[in-house]
PDB file of N, CA and C in Angstrom:
ATOM      1  N   UNK A   1     140.919 292.248  38.716  1.00  0.00           N
ATOM      2  CA  UNK A   1     141.838 291.684  39.684  1.00  0.00           C
ATOM      3  C   UNK A   1     142.066 292.624  40.859  1.00  0.00           C
ATOM      4  N   UNK A   2     142.209 293.893  40.583  1.00  0.00           N
ATOM      5  CA  UNK A   2     142.386 294.903  41.616  1.00  0.00           C
ATOM      6  C   UNK A   2     141.233 295.887  41.530  1.00  0.00           C
ATOM      7  N   UNK A   3     140.627 296.149  42.660  1.00  0.00           N
ATOM      8  CA  UNK A   3     139.507 297.076  42.727  1.00  0.00           C
ATOM      9  C   UNK A   3     139.810 298.188  43.713  1.00  0.00           C
ATOM     10  N   UNK A   4     139.539 299.414  43.312  1.00  0.00           N
ATOM     11  CA  UNK A   4     139.698 300.570  44.172  1.00  0.00           C
ATOM     12  C   UNK A   4     138.329 301.177  44.437  1.00  0.00           C
ATOM     13  N   UNK A   5     138.040 301.436  45.693  1.00  0.00           N
ATOM     14  CA  UNK A   5     136.765 302.010  46.078  1.00  0.00           C
ATOM     15  C   UNK A   5     137.013 303.284  46.865  1.00  0.00           C
ATOM     16  N   UNK A   6     136.479 304.392  46.367  1.00  0.00           N
ATOM     17  CA  UNK A   6     136.623 305.679  47.033  1.00  0.00           C
ATOM     18  C   UNK A   6     135.362 306.032  47.805  1.00  0.00           C
ATOM     19  N   UNK A   7     135.534 306.859  48.811  1.00  0.00           N
ATOM     20  CA  UNK A   7     134.413 307.385  49.559  1.00  0.00           C
ATOM     21  C   UNK A   7     134.828 308.703  50.196  1.00  0.00           C
ATOM     22  N   UNK A   8     133.859 309.445  50.678  1.00  0.00           N
ATOM     23  CA  UNK A   8     134.137 310.659  51.409  1.00  0.00           C
ATOM     24  C   UNK A   8     133.830 311.948  50.681  1.00  0.00           C
ATOM     25  N   UNK A   9     133.485 311.863  49.411  1.00  0.00           N
ATOM     26  CA  UNK A   9     133.139 313.062  48.681  1.00  0.00           C
ATOM     27  C   UNK A   9     131.808 313.619  49.141  1.00  0.00           C
ATOM     28  N   UNK A  10     131.522 314.823  48.695  1.00  0.00           N
ATOM     29  CA  UNK A  10     130.273 315.448  49.074  1.00  0.00           C
ATOM     30  C   UNK A  10     130.265 316.925  48.770  1.00  0.00           C
ATOM     31  N   UNK A  11     129.292 317.599  49.334  1.00  0.00           N
ATOM     32  CA  UNK A  11     129.120 319.035  49.162  1.00  0.00           C
ATOM     33  C   UNK A  11     129.560 319.749  50.427  1.00  0.00           C
ATOM     34  N   UNK A  12     130.391 320.762  50.265  1.00  0.00           N
ATOM     35  CA  UNK A  12     130.900 321.494  51.408  1.00  0.00           C
ATOM     36  C   UNK A  12     131.045 322.970  51.048  1.00  0.00           C
ATOM     37  N   UNK A  13     130.893 323.827  52.030  1.00  0.00           N
ATOM     38  CA  UNK A  13     131.092 325.251  51.824  1.00  0.00           C
ATOM     39  C   UNK A  13     132.576 325.578  51.731  1.00  0.00           C
ATOM     40  N   UNK A  14     132.892 326.645  51.033  1.00  0.00           N
ATOM     41  CA  UNK A  14     134.270 327.100  50.954  1.00  0.00           C
ATOM     42  C   UNK A  14     134.843 327.274  52.356  1.00  0.00           C
ATOM     43  N   UNK A  15     136.068 326.808  52.532  1.00  0.00           N
ATOM     44  CA  UNK A  15     136.707 326.844  53.832  1.00  0.00           C
ATOM     45  C   UNK A  15     136.494 325.595  54.648  1.00  0.00           C
ATOM     46  N   UNK A  16     135.615 324.734  54.203  1.00  0.00           N
ATOM     47  CA  UNK A  16     135.328 323.513  54.919  1.00  0.00           C
ATOM     48  C   UNK A  16     136.319 322.413  54.612  1.00  0.00           C
ATOM     49  N   UNK A  17     136.022 321.232  55.132  1.00  0.00           N
ATOM     50  CA  UNK A  17     136.931 320.095  55.015  1.00  0.00           C
ATOM     51  C   UNK A  17     136.193 318.835  54.605  1.00  0.00           C
ATOM     52  N   UNK A  18     136.907 317.971  53.931  1.00  0.00           N
ATOM     53  CA  UNK A  18     136.445 316.638  53.602  1.00  0.00           C
ATOM     54  C   UNK A  18     137.618 315.680  53.718  1.00  0.00           C
ATOM     55  N   UNK A  19     137.318 314.432  53.982  1.00  0.00           N
ATOM     56  CA  UNK A  19     138.346 313.402  54.030  1.00  0.00           C
ATOM     57  C   UNK A  19     137.960 312.278  53.085  1.00  0.00           C
ATOM     58  N   UNK A  20     138.773 312.074  52.075  1.00  0.00           N
ATOM     59  CA  UNK A  20     138.541 311.030  51.104  1.00  0.00           C
ATOM     60  C   UNK A  20     139.291 309.763  51.496  1.00  0.00           C
ATOM     61  N   UNK A  21     138.666 308.637  51.243  1.00  0.00           N
ATOM     62  CA  UNK A  21     139.276 307.351  51.529  1.00  0.00           C
ATOM     63  C   UNK A  21     139.265 306.494  50.280  1.00  0.00           C
ATOM     64  N   UNK A  22     140.284 305.687  50.134  1.00  0.00           N
ATOM     65  CA  UNK A  22     140.370 304.744  49.030  1.00  0.00           C
ATOM     66  C   UNK A  22     140.971 303.456  49.548  1.00  0.00           C
ATOM     67  N   UNK A  23     140.289 302.365  49.302  1.00  0.00           N
ATOM     68  CA  UNK A  23     140.768 301.061  49.721  1.00  0.00           C
ATOM     69  C   UNK A  23     140.895 300.155  48.508  1.00  0.00           C
ATOM     70  N   UNK A  24     142.031 299.512  48.390  1.00  0.00           N
ATOM     71  CA  UNK A  24     142.287 298.591  47.297  1.00  0.00           C
ATOM     72  C   UNK A  24     142.078 297.163  47.759  1.00  0.00           C
ATOM     73  N   UNK A  25     141.480 296.375  46.905  1.00  0.00           N
ATOM     74  CA  UNK A  25     141.296 294.965  47.189  1.00  0.00           C
ATOM     75  C   UNK A  25     141.731 294.149  45.986  1.00  0.00           C
ATOM     76  N   UNK A  26     142.010 292.882  46.236  1.00  0.00           N
ATOM     77  CA  UNK A  26     142.484 292.018  45.183  1.00  0.00           C
ATOM     78  C   UNK A  26     143.892 291.548  45.471  1.00  0.00           C
ATOM     79  N   UNK A  27     144.488 290.957  44.481  1.00  0.00           N
ATOM     80  CA  UNK A  27     145.841 290.431  44.633  1.00  0.00           C
ATOM     81  C   UNK A  27     146.840 291.517  44.265  1.00  0.00           C
ATOM     82  N   UNK A  28     147.526 292.011  45.281  1.00  0.00           N
ATOM     83  CA  UNK A  28     148.512 293.066  45.097  1.00  0.00           C
ATOM     84  C   UNK A  28     149.800 292.632  45.781  1.00  0.00           C
ATOM     85  N   UNK A  29     150.826 292.436  45.011  1.00  0.00           N
ATOM     86  CA  UNK A  29     152.098 291.995  45.569  1.00  0.00           C
ATOM     87  C   UNK A  29     153.035 293.146  45.909  1.00  0.00           C
ATOM     88  N   UNK A  30     152.853 294.242  45.250  1.00  0.00           N
ATOM     89  CA  UNK A  30     153.686 295.393  45.525  1.00  0.00           C
ATOM     90  C   UNK A  30     153.048 296.658  44.994  1.00  0.00           C
ATOM     91  N   UNK A  31     153.070 297.681  45.824  1.00  0.00           N
ATOM     92  CA  UNK A  31     152.497 298.962  45.443  1.00  0.00           C
ATOM     93  C   UNK A  31     153.621 299.965  45.254  1.00  0.00           C
ATOM     94  N   UNK A  32     153.729 300.469  44.060  1.00  0.00           N
ATOM     95  CA  UNK A  32     154.719 301.493  43.773  1.00  0.00           C
ATOM     96  C   UNK A  32     154.261 302.855  44.268  1.00  0.00           C
ATOM     97  N   UNK A  33     152.984 303.128  44.063  1.00  0.00           N
ATOM     98  CA  UNK A  33     152.458 304.413  44.480  1.00  0.00           C
ATOM     99  C   UNK A  33     150.947 304.335  44.613  1.00  0.00           C
ATOM    100  N   UNK A  34     150.413 305.152  45.485  1.00  0.00           N
ATOM    101  CA  UNK A  34     148.979 305.369  45.573  1.00  0.00           C
ATOM    102  C   UNK A  34     148.752 306.867  45.663  1.00  0.00           C
ATOM    103  N   UNK A  35     147.727 307.328  44.998  1.00  0.00           N
ATOM    104  CA  UNK A  35     147.509 308.753  45.013  1.00  0.00           C
ATOM    105  C   UNK A  35     146.116 309.149  44.592  1.00  0.00           C
ATOM    106  N   UNK A  36     145.938 310.450  44.535  1.00  0.00           N
ATOM    107  CA  UNK A  36     144.662 311.044  44.172  1.00  0.00           C
ATOM    108  C   UNK A  36     144.826 311.971  42.988  1.00  0.00           C
ATOM    109  N   UNK A  37     143.920 311.853  42.048  1.00  0.00           N
ATOM    110  CA  UNK A  37     143.816 312.739  40.909  1.00  0.00           C
ATOM    111  C   UNK A  37     142.427 313.361  40.909  1.00  0.00           C
ATOM    112  N   UNK A  38     142.275 314.437  40.171  1.00  0.00           N
ATOM    113  CA  UNK A  38     140.955 315.035  40.070  1.00  0.00           C
ATOM    114  C   UNK A  38     140.716 315.517  38.650  1.00  0.00           C
ATOM    115  N   UNK A  39     139.446 315.603  38.292  1.00  0.00           N
ATOM    116  CA  UNK A  39     139.061 316.051  36.971  1.00  0.00           C
ATOM    117  C   UNK A  39     137.802 316.891  37.077  1.00  0.00           C
ATOM    118  N   UNK A  40     137.925 318.144  36.709  1.00  0.00           N
ATOM    119  CA  UNK A  40     136.789 319.047  36.673  1.00  0.00           C
ATOM    120  C   UNK A  40     136.143 318.977  35.297  1.00  0.00           C
ATOM    121  N   UNK A  41     134.872 319.342  35.197  1.00  0.00           N
ATOM    122  CA  UNK A  41     134.193 319.297  33.900  1.00  0.00           C
ATOM    123  C   UNK A  41     134.939 320.088  32.835  1.00  0.00           C
ATOM    124  N   UNK A  42     135.179 319.453  31.703  1.00  0.00           N
ATOM    125  CA  UNK A  42     135.862 320.103  30.606  1.00  0.00           C
ATOM    126  C   UNK A  42     137.364 320.177  30.736  1.00  0.00           C
ATOM    127  N   UNK A  43     137.908 319.640  31.814  1.00  0.00           N
ATOM    128  CA  UNK A  43     139.342 319.692  32.042  1.00  0.00           C
ATOM    129  C   UNK A  43     139.959 318.299  32.050  1.00  0.00           C
ATOM    130  N   UNK A  44     141.265 318.273  31.942  1.00  0.00           N
ATOM    131  CA  UNK A  44     141.990 317.019  31.997  1.00  0.00           C
ATOM    132  C   UNK A  44     142.184 316.572  33.439  1.00  0.00           C
ATOM    133  N   UNK A  45     142.385 315.289  33.600  1.00  0.00           N
ATOM    134  CA  UNK A  45     142.663 314.754  34.920  1.00  0.00           C
ATOM    135  C   UNK A  45     144.059 315.196  35.367  1.00  0.00           C
ATOM    136  N   UNK A  46     144.177 315.624  36.621  1.00  0.00           N
ATOM    137  CA  UNK A  46     145.435 316.129  37.123  1.00  0.00           C
ATOM    138  C   UNK A  46     145.771 315.514  38.477  1.00  0.00           C
ATOM    139  N   UNK A  47     147.055 315.407  38.735  1.00  0.00           N
ATOM    140  CA  UNK A  47     147.526 314.864  40.003  1.00  0.00           C
ATOM    141  C   UNK A  47     147.235 315.837  41.134  1.00  0.00           C
ATOM    142  N   UNK A  48     146.721 315.302  42.236  1.00  0.00           N
ATOM    143  CA  UNK A  48     146.514 316.073  43.452  1.00  0.00           C
ATOM    144  C   UNK A  48     147.617 315.780  44.454  1.00  0.00           C
ATOM    145  N   UNK A  49     147.814 314.513  44.749  1.00  0.00           N
ATOM    146  CA  UNK A  49     148.840 314.094  45.694  1.00  0.00           C
ATOM    147  C   UNK A  49     149.087 312.615  45.529  1.00  0.00           C
ATOM    148  N   UNK A  50     150.281 312.178  45.855  1.00  0.00           N
ATOM    149  CA  UNK A  50     150.598 310.765  45.798  1.00  0.00           C
ATOM    150  C   UNK A  50     151.657 310.414  46.822  1.00  0.00           C
ATOM    151  N   UNK A  51     151.630 309.169  47.243  1.00  0.00           N
ATOM    152  CA  UNK A  51     152.674 308.609  48.092  1.00  0.00           C
ATOM    153  C   UNK A  51     153.396 307.569  47.266  1.00  0.00           C
ATOM    154  N   UNK A  52     154.700 307.721  47.150  1.00  0.00           N
ATOM    155  CA  UNK A  52     155.515 306.886  46.279  1.00  0.00           C
ATOM    156  C   UNK A  52     156.456 306.028  47.112  1.00  0.00           C
ATOM    157  N   UNK A  53     156.601 304.773  46.708  1.00  0.00           N
ATOM    158  CA  UNK A  53     157.594 303.892  47.285  1.00  0.00           C
ATOM    159  C   UNK A  53     157.524 303.800  48.789  1.00  0.00           C
ATOM    160  N   UNK A  54     158.648 304.102  49.424  1.00  0.00           N
ATOM    161  CA  UNK A  54     158.740 303.984  50.858  1.00  0.00           C
ATOM    162  C   UNK A  54     158.048 305.067  51.652  1.00  0.00           C
ATOM    163  N   UNK A  55     157.446 306.020  50.979  1.00  0.00           N
ATOM    164  CA  UNK A  55     156.710 307.036  51.696  1.00  0.00           C
ATOM    165  C   UNK A  55     156.907 308.464  51.235  1.00  0.00           C
ATOM    166  N   UNK A  56     157.678 308.657  50.190  1.00  0.00           N
ATOM    167  CA  UNK A  56     157.831 310.007  49.665  1.00  0.00           C
ATOM    168  C   UNK A  56     156.498 310.523  49.144  1.00  0.00           C
ATOM    169  N   UNK A  57     156.238 311.781  49.387  1.00  0.00           N
ATOM    170  CA  UNK A  57     154.961 312.383  49.044  1.00  0.00           C
ATOM    171  C   UNK A  57     155.154 313.522  48.062  1.00  0.00           C
ATOM    172  N   UNK A  58     154.314 313.540  47.066  1.00  0.00           N
ATOM    173  CA  UNK A  58     154.285 314.630  46.102  1.00  0.00           C
ATOM    174  C   UNK A  58     152.914 315.294  46.139  1.00  0.00           C
ATOM    175  N   UNK A  59     152.907 316.611  46.204  1.00  0.00           N
ATOM    176  CA  UNK A  59     151.682 317.393  46.173  1.00  0.00           C
ATOM    177  C   UNK A  59     151.686 318.327  44.979  1.00  0.00           C
ATOM    178  N   UNK A  60     150.518 318.501  44.405  1.00  0.00           N
ATOM    179  CA  UNK A  60     150.368 319.560  43.430  1.00  0.00           C
ATOM    180  C   UNK A  60     150.477 320.905  44.132  1.00  0.00           C
ATOM    181  N   UNK A  61     151.016 321.887  43.433  1.00  0.00           N
ATOM    182  CA  UNK A  61     151.214 323.196  44.043  1.00  0.00           C
ATOM    183  C   UNK A  61     149.910 323.799  44.559  1.00  0.00           C
ATOM    184  N   UNK A  62     148.821 323.534  43.877  1.00  0.00           N
ATOM    185  CA  UNK A  62     147.570 324.188  44.238  1.00  0.00           C
ATOM    186  C   UNK A  62     146.926 323.625  45.500  1.00  0.00           C
ATOM    187  N   UNK A  63     147.496 322.556  46.078  1.00  0.00           N
ATOM    188  CA  UNK A  63     146.936 322.003  47.307  1.00  0.00           C
ATOM    189  C   UNK A  63     147.922 322.007  48.470  1.00  0.00           C
ATOM    190  N   UNK A  64     149.149 322.407  48.233  1.00  0.00           N
ATOM    191  CA  UNK A  64     150.147 322.417  49.289  1.00  0.00           C
ATOM    192  C   UNK A  64     149.697 323.311  50.445  1.00  0.00           C
ATOM    193  N   UNK A  65     149.814 322.779  51.654  1.00  0.00           N
ATOM    194  CA  UNK A  65     149.402 323.514  52.830  1.00  0.00           C
ATOM    195  C   UNK A  65     147.947 323.347  53.173  1.00  0.00           C
ATOM    196  N   UNK A  66     147.168 322.740  52.298  1.00  0.00           N
ATOM    197  CA  UNK A  66     145.746 322.548  52.542  1.00  0.00           C
ATOM    198  C   UNK A  66     145.355 321.081  52.613  1.00  0.00           C
ATOM    199  N   UNK A  67     145.968 320.259  51.773  1.00  0.00           N
ATOM    200  CA  UNK A  67     145.622 318.844  51.706  1.00  0.00           C
ATOM    201  C   UNK A  67     146.746 318.015  52.306  1.00  0.00           C
ATOM    202  N   UNK A  68     146.381 316.888  52.895  1.00  0.00           N
ATOM    203  CA  UNK A  68     147.351 315.957  53.447  1.00  0.00           C
ATOM    204  C   UNK A  68     147.002 314.549  53.000  1.00  0.00           C
ATOM    205  N   UNK A  69     147.960 313.878  52.384  1.00  0.00           N
ATOM    206  CA  UNK A  69     147.755 312.507  51.967  1.00  0.00           C
ATOM    207  C   UNK A  69     148.413 311.578  52.979  1.00  0.00           C
ATOM    208  N   UNK A  70     147.784 310.456  53.238  1.00  0.00           N
ATOM    209  CA  UNK A  70     148.331 309.468  54.156  1.00  0.00           C
ATOM    210  C   UNK A  70     147.928 308.083  53.678  1.00  0.00           C
ATOM    211  N   UNK A  71     148.539 307.067  54.248  1.00  0.00           N
ATOM    212  CA  UNK A  71     148.229 305.709  53.835  1.00  0.00           C
ATOM    213  C   UNK A  71     148.242 304.757  55.017  1.00  0.00           C
ATOM    214  N   UNK A  72     147.555 303.649  54.840  1.00  0.00           N
ATOM    215  CA  UNK A  72     147.567 302.549  55.782  1.00  0.00           C
ATOM    216  C   UNK A  72     147.986 301.334  54.974  1.00  0.00           C
ATOM    217  N   UNK A  73     149.237 300.949  55.108  1.00  0.00           N
ATOM    218  CA  UNK A  73     149.781 299.878  54.285  1.00  0.00           C
ATOM    219  C   UNK A  73     149.051 298.561  54.524  1.00  0.00           C
ATOM    220  N   UNK A  74     148.749 298.269  55.779  1.00  0.00           N
ATOM    221  CA  UNK A  74     148.083 297.014  56.110  1.00  0.00           C
ATOM    222  C   UNK A  74     146.717 296.901  55.449  1.00  0.00           C
ATOM    223  N   UNK A  75     146.061 298.027  55.253  1.00  0.00           N
ATOM    224  CA  UNK A  75     144.727 298.035  54.656  1.00  0.00           C
ATOM    225  C   UNK A  75     144.739 298.329  53.166  1.00  0.00           C
ATOM    226  N   UNK A  76     145.919 298.532  52.604  1.00  0.00           N
ATOM    227  CA  UNK A  76     146.019 298.959  51.204  1.00  0.00           C
ATOM    228  C   UNK A  76     145.118 300.165  50.949  1.00  0.00           C
ATOM    229  N   UNK A  77     145.220 301.117  51.840  1.00  0.00           N
ATOM    230  CA  UNK A  77     144.338 302.277  51.784  1.00  0.00           C
ATOM    231  C   UNK A  77     145.140 303.567  51.710  1.00  0.00           C
ATOM    232  N   UNK A  78     144.545 304.552  51.096  1.00  0.00           N
ATOM    233  CA  UNK A  78     145.129 305.879  51.026  1.00  0.00           C
ATOM    234  C   UNK A  78     144.029 306.885  51.312  1.00  0.00           C
ATOM    235  N   UNK A  79     144.408 307.966  51.982  1.00  0.00           N
ATOM    236  CA  UNK A  79     143.439 308.954  52.414  1.00  0.00           C
ATOM    237  C   UNK A  79     143.891 310.339  51.966  1.00  0.00           C
ATOM    238  N   UNK A  80     142.932 311.210  51.822  1.00  0.00           N
ATOM    239  CA  UNK A  80     143.228 312.593  51.484  1.00  0.00           C
ATOM    240  C   UNK A  80     142.403 313.496  52.379  1.00  0.00           C
ATOM    241  N   UNK A  81     143.071 314.144  53.318  1.00  0.00           N
ATOM    242  CA  UNK A  81     142.425 315.123  54.174  1.00  0.00           C
ATOM    243  C   UNK A  81     142.481 316.469  53.474  1.00  0.00           C
ATOM    244  N   UNK A  82     141.329 317.025  53.181  1.00  0.00           N
ATOM    245  CA  UNK A  82     141.238 318.273  52.438  1.00  0.00           C
ATOM    246  C   UNK A  82     140.673 319.353  53.346  1.00  0.00           C
ATOM    247  N   UNK A  83     141.481 320.351  53.612  1.00  0.00           N
ATOM    248  CA  UNK A  83     141.078 321.482  54.430  1.00  0.00           C
ATOM    249  C   UNK A  83     141.094 322.760  53.603  1.00  0.00           C
ATOM    250  N   UNK A  84     140.442 323.772  54.126  1.00  0.00           N
ATOM    251  CA  UNK A  84     140.396 325.073  53.455  1.00  0.00           C
ATOM    252  C   UNK A  84     139.989 324.932  51.993  1.00  0.00           C
ATOM    253  N   UNK A  85     138.951 324.181  51.770  1.00  0.00           N
ATOM    254  CA  UNK A  85     138.516 323.908  50.406  1.00  0.00           C
ATOM    255  C   UNK A  85     138.035 325.176  49.707  1.00  0.00           C
ATOM    256  N   UNK A  86     138.304 325.225  48.421  1.00  0.00           N
ATOM    257  CA  UNK A  86     137.937 326.351  47.581  1.00  0.00           C
ATOM    258  C   UNK A  86     137.004 325.875  46.473  1.00  0.00           C
ATOM    259  N   UNK A  87     136.186 326.767  45.937  1.00  0.00           N
ATOM    260  CA  UNK A  87     135.306 326.368  44.833  1.00  0.00           C
ATOM    261  C   UNK A  87     136.063 325.740  43.670  1.00  0.00           C
ATOM    262  N   UNK A  88     137.280 326.190  43.410  1.00  0.00           N
ATOM    263  CA  UNK A  88     138.056 325.634  42.317  1.00  0.00           C
ATOM    264  C   UNK A  88     138.539 324.211  42.583  1.00  0.00           C
ATOM    265  N   UNK A  89     138.338 323.717  43.800  1.00  0.00           N
ATOM    266  CA  UNK A  89     138.634 322.321  44.108  1.00  0.00           C
ATOM    267  C   UNK A  89     137.525 321.385  43.634  1.00  0.00           C
ATOM    268  N   UNK A  90     136.422 321.943  43.204  1.00  0.00           N
ATOM    269  CA  UNK A  90     135.305 321.130  42.743  1.00  0.00           C
ATOM    270  C   UNK A  90     135.722 320.257  41.567  1.00  0.00           C
ATOM    271  N   UNK A  91     135.535 318.964  41.709  1.00  0.00           N
ATOM    272  CA  UNK A  91     135.950 318.010  40.689  1.00  0.00           C
ATOM    273  C   UNK A  91     135.550 316.618  41.131  1.00  0.00           C
ATOM    274  N   UNK A  92     135.706 315.690  40.220  1.00  0.00           N
ATOM    275  CA  UNK A  92     135.634 314.287  40.587  1.00  0.00           C
ATOM    276  C   UNK A  92     137.035 313.853  40.976  1.00  0.00           C
ATOM    277  N   UNK A  93     137.155 313.265  42.146  1.00  0.00           N
ATOM    278  CA  UNK A  93     138.448 312.835  42.652  1.00  0.00           C
ATOM    279  C   UNK A  93     138.581 311.322  42.476  1.00  0.00           C
ATOM    280  N   UNK A  94     139.682 310.922  41.871  1.00  0.00           N
ATOM    281  CA  UNK A  94     139.924 309.523  41.550  1.00  0.00           C
ATOM    282  C   UNK A  94     141.121 308.994  42.327  1.00  0.00           C
ATOM    283  N   UNK A  95     140.960 307.822  42.876  1.00  0.00           N
ATOM    284  CA  UNK A  95     142.067 307.119  43.498  1.00  0.00           C
ATOM    285  C   UNK A  95     142.839 306.357  42.433  1.00  0.00           C
ATOM    286  N   UNK A  96     144.143 306.337  42.570  1.00  0.00           N
ATOM    287  CA  UNK A  96     144.994 305.627  41.626  1.00  0.00           C
ATOM    288  C   UNK A  96     145.999 304.765  42.369  1.00  0.00           C
ATOM    289  N   UNK A  97     146.207 303.580  41.854  1.00  0.00           N
ATOM    290  CA  UNK A  97     147.209 302.670  42.398  1.00  0.00           C
ATOM    291  C   UNK A  97     148.138 302.233  41.283  1.00  0.00           C
ATOM    292  N   UNK A  98     149.422 302.305  41.547  1.00  0.00           N
ATOM    293  CA  UNK A  98     150.431 301.868  40.602  1.00  0.00           C
ATOM    294  C   UNK A  98     151.205 300.732  41.249  1.00  0.00           C
ATOM    295  N   UNK A  99     151.209 299.575  40.604  1.00  0.00           N
ATOM    296  CA  UNK A  99     151.911 298.429  41.156  1.00  0.00           C
ATOM    297  C   UNK A  99     153.399 298.536  40.893  1.00  0.00           C
ATOM    298  N   UNK A 100     154.148 297.639  41.527  1.00  0.00           N
ATOM    299  CA  UNK A 100     155.590 297.603  41.331  1.00  0.00           C
ATOM    300  C   UNK A 100     155.954 297.298  39.885  1.00  0.00           C
ATOM    301  N   UNK A 101     155.039 296.665  39.161  1.00  0.00           N
ATOM    302  CA  UNK A 101     155.238 296.405  37.746  1.00  0.00           C
ATOM    303  C   UNK A 101     154.719 297.554  36.889  1.00  0.00           C
ATOM    304  N   UNK A 102     154.355 298.642  37.527  1.00  0.00           N
ATOM    305  CA  UNK A 102     153.856 299.847  36.866  1.00  0.00           C
ATOM    306  C   UNK A 102     152.552 299.612  36.115  1.00  0.00           C
ATOM    307  N   UNK A 103     151.713 298.740  36.650  1.00  0.00           N
ATOM    308  CA  UNK A 103     150.364 298.579  36.155  1.00  0.00           C
ATOM    309  C   UNK A 103     149.447 299.488  36.968  1.00  0.00           C
ATOM    310  N   UNK A 104     148.663 300.284  36.295  1.00  0.00           N
ATOM    311  CA  UNK A 104     147.840 301.263  36.966  1.00  0.00           C
ATOM    312  C   UNK A 104     146.383 300.862  37.070  1.00  0.00           C
ATOM    313  N   UNK A 105     145.760 301.248  38.171  1.00  0.00           N
ATOM    314  CA  UNK A 105     144.353 300.987  38.404  1.00  0.00           C
ATOM    315  C   UNK A 105     143.687 302.267  38.891  1.00  0.00           C
ATOM    316  N   UNK A 106     142.423 302.426  38.528  1.00  0.00           N
ATOM    317  CA  UNK A 106     141.657 303.610  38.894  1.00  0.00           C
ATOM    318  C   UNK A 106     140.390 303.242  39.633  1.00  0.00           C
ATOM    319  N   UNK A 107     140.019 304.078  40.584  1.00  0.00           N
ATOM    320  CA  UNK A 107     138.717 303.967  41.197  1.00  0.00           C
ATOM    321  C   UNK A 107     137.666 304.617  40.319  1.00  0.00           C
ATOM    322  N   UNK A 108     136.415 304.515  40.724  1.00  0.00           N
ATOM    323  CA  UNK A 108     135.329 305.069  39.926  1.00  0.00           C
ATOM    324  C   UNK A 108     135.164 306.569  40.106  1.00  0.00           C
ATOM    325  N   UNK A 109     135.764 307.117  41.132  1.00  0.00           N
ATOM    326  CA  UNK A 109     135.691 308.537  41.387  1.00  0.00           C
ATOM    327  C   UNK A 109     134.642 308.899  42.416  1.00  0.00           C
ATOM    328  N   UNK A 110     134.909 309.967  43.145  1.00  0.00           N
ATOM    329  CA  UNK A 110     133.955 310.494  44.108  1.00  0.00           C
ATOM    330  C   UNK A 110     133.854 312.002  43.908  1.00  0.00           C
ATOM    331  N   UNK A 111     132.637 312.501  43.881  1.00  0.00           N
ATOM    332  CA  UNK A 111     132.398 313.904  43.571  1.00  0.00           C
ATOM    333  C   UNK A 111     132.652 314.780  44.786  1.00  0.00           C
ATOM    334  N   UNK A 112     133.432 315.820  44.575  1.00  0.00           N
ATOM    335  CA  UNK A 112     133.654 316.855  45.582  1.00  0.00           C
ATOM    336  C   UNK A 112     133.148 318.173  45.013  1.00  0.00           C
ATOM    337  N   UNK A 113     132.216 318.786  45.707  1.00  0.00           N
ATOM    338  CA  UNK A 113     131.663 320.059  45.279  1.00  0.00           C
ATOM    339  C   UNK A 113     131.826 321.078  46.394  1.00  0.00           C
ATOM    340  N   UNK A 114     132.467 322.187  46.078  1.00  0.00           N
ATOM    341  CA  UNK A 114     132.714 323.239  47.050  1.00  0.00           C
ATOM    342  C   UNK A 114     131.963 324.485  46.606  1.00  0.00           C
ATOM    343  N   UNK A 115     131.068 324.946  47.433  1.00  0.00           N
ATOM    344  CA  UNK A 115     130.270 326.121  47.118  1.00  0.00           C
ATOM    345  C   UNK A 115     130.790 327.332  47.878  1.00  0.00           C
ATOM    346  N   UNK A 116     130.502 328.503  47.344  1.00  0.00           N
ATOM    347  CA  UNK A 116     130.932 329.738  47.972  1.00  0.00           C
ATOM    348  C   UNK A 116     129.807 330.418  48.719  1.00  0.00           C
TER     349      UNK A 116
END
């Protein structure tokens, strides 16, 4: 019913930048939150950033000052501008959407690889 499609991942040198995009399609009556999670090999999936409700933003401590999350409500889209990337940022990044009924949806993930 709801599909999330991510794009923008790739290979970048340390200190470089990438911009991730996620667009939701389908029947969505209310979005509680949209955000980005990441999962490195052998690790658990962790929150990177999210926009909640009317626009409150939460960032993980390890990305504060480097990443910026934004959204386009009309497009049901969320973006993640990633600057000053570090090798430890290497992971699969997943888009997440939480509806007003607290039903969650995940994108397929986009690979981000940061080399030194």
